[in-house]
Amino acid sequence: MIIKMDDLRGSEIAALLDEHLQNMYLITPPESVHALDIEASRKPEITFWSAWEDTDLCGCGALKQLSSDNSNTNISMIFELDWNIYRQIKKTEQQV
């Protein structure tokens, strides 16, 4: 697995973030949805990473810098696919 900084320009990451946001609004009261859309995630104070297995996107995460002196960092979003679940999905896809 490779984890790399991501500029959020790829179609895979855009689809993942869109699906995540849609799901949050389906299962969470609107006032409790704290997920950011892709444009909000591109702000300079947010550093975004994605995790890849070959060409497959496995998950992503981000940190938001809350103060300019680096004394306060906040995890603004983490959405990941459990590695064992990912392997099982891939195994099932290969059997179909």
Protein backbone atom coordinates (compact mmCIF):
# COMPACT_ATOMS: atom_id res chain seq x y z
CA MET A 1 0.00 0.00 0.00
CA ILE A 2 1.20 3.49 -0.87
CA ILE A 3 0.05 6.56 1.06
CA LYS A 4 0.65 9.85 -0.72
CA MET A 5 -0.32 13.50 -0.46
CA ASP A 6 -3.27 14.13 -2.75
CA ASP A 7 -4.31 17.31 -4.57
CA LEU A 8 -7.91 16.03 -4.90
CA ARG A 9 -7.89 16.34 -8.69
CA GLY A 10 -8.34 12.64 -9.51
CA SER A 11 -11.70 11.12 -10.41
CA GLU A 12 -11.34 8.27 -7.90
CA ILE A 13 -10.84 10.53 -4.90
CA ALA A 14 -13.60 12.87 -6.09
CA ALA A 15 -16.02 9.94 -6.32
CA LEU A 16 -15.04 8.65 -2.87
CA LEU A 17 -15.49 12.05 -1.21
CA ASP A 18 -18.79 12.63 -3.01
CA GLU A 19 -20.11 9.23 -1.93
CA HIS A 20 -18.94 9.82 1.64
CA LEU A 21 -20.68 13.21 1.82
CA GLN A 22 -23.90 11.84 0.32
CA ASN A 23 -23.89 8.97 2.83
CA MET A 24 -23.32 11.36 5.73
CA TYR A 25 -26.43 13.34 4.75
CA LEU A 26 -28.43 10.10 4.46
CA ILE A 27 -27.56 8.76 7.90
CA THR A 28 -26.75 11.85 9.96
CA PRO A 29 -28.85 14.84 11.02
CA PRO A 30 -27.81 17.84 8.86
CA GLU A 31 -26.50 19.79 11.85
CA SER A 32 -24.18 16.87 12.70
CA VAL A 33 -22.59 16.42 9.27
CA HIS A 34 -19.01 17.64 9.60
CA ALA A 35 -17.66 16.17 6.34
CA LEU A 36 -16.30 18.65 3.81
CA ASP A 37 -17.05 18.69 0.11
CA ILE A 38 -14.11 18.44 -2.29
CA GLU A 39 -13.74 22.21 -2.82
CA ALA A 40 -13.67 22.89 0.92
CA SER A 41 -11.09 20.10 1.29
CA ARG A 42 -8.74 21.90 -1.13
CA LYS A 43 -8.08 24.82 1.23
CA PRO A 44 -4.37 25.49 1.88
CA GLU A 45 -4.68 24.76 5.60
CA ILE A 46 -5.82 21.19 4.85
CA THR A 47 -3.31 18.48 3.96
CA PHE A 48 -4.92 15.50 2.29
CA TRP A 49 -3.57 11.98 1.79
CA SER A 50 -4.87 8.99 -0.13
CA ALA A 51 -3.97 5.32 0.25
CA TRP A 52 -3.54 3.14 -2.84
CA GLU A 53 -3.01 -0.54 -3.56
CA ASP A 54 -1.67 -0.61 -7.10
CA THR A 55 -4.25 1.51 -8.96
CA ASP A 56 -7.06 0.99 -6.44
CA LEU A 57 -7.99 3.74 -3.99
CA CYS A 58 -8.26 2.20 -0.50
CA GLY A 59 -8.95 5.24 1.66
CA CYS A 60 -8.04 8.80 2.55
CA GLY A 61 -7.53 11.17 5.41
CA ALA A 62 -6.81 14.82 6.14
CA LEU A 63 -5.38 17.15 8.75
CA LYS A 64 -6.39 20.77 9.13
CA GLN A 65 -3.93 23.28 10.58
CA LEU A 66 -5.91 25.40 13.03
CA SER A 67 -3.20 27.92 13.94
CA SER A 68 -0.34 29.46 12.00
CA ASP A 69 2.28 28.62 14.65
CA ASN A 70 1.77 24.85 14.20
CA SER A 71 0.64 24.47 17.81
CA ASN A 72 -2.85 23.28 17.01
CA THR A 73 -3.70 20.64 14.42
CA ASN A 74 -7.10 19.07 14.03
CA ILE A 75 -8.06 15.87 12.25
CA SER A 76 -10.75 17.19 9.96
CA MET A 77 -11.67 13.98 8.19
CA ILE A 78 -10.71 10.37 8.09
CA PHE A 79 -12.47 7.90 5.84
CA GLU A 80 -10.80 4.58 5.39
CA LEU A 81 -11.62 1.16 4.14
CA ASP A 82 -10.48 -1.59 6.48
CA TRP A 83 -7.64 -3.45 4.79
CA ASN A 84 -9.20 -6.88 5.45
CA ILE A 85 -12.52 -5.76 3.96
CA TYR A 86 -10.67 -4.37 0.95
CA ARG A 87 -8.88 -7.68 0.38
CA GLN A 88 -12.16 -9.58 0.66
CA ILE A 89 -13.84 -7.26 -1.86
CA LYS A 90 -10.98 -7.75 -4.31
CA LYS A 91 -11.05 -11.51 -3.81
CA THR A 92 -14.81 -11.57 -4.43
CA GLU A 93 -14.47 -9.39 -7.55
CA GLN A 94 -11.90 -11.80 -8.99
CA GLN A 95 -14.23 -14.76 -8.45
CA VAL A 96 -17.12 -13.17 -10.34
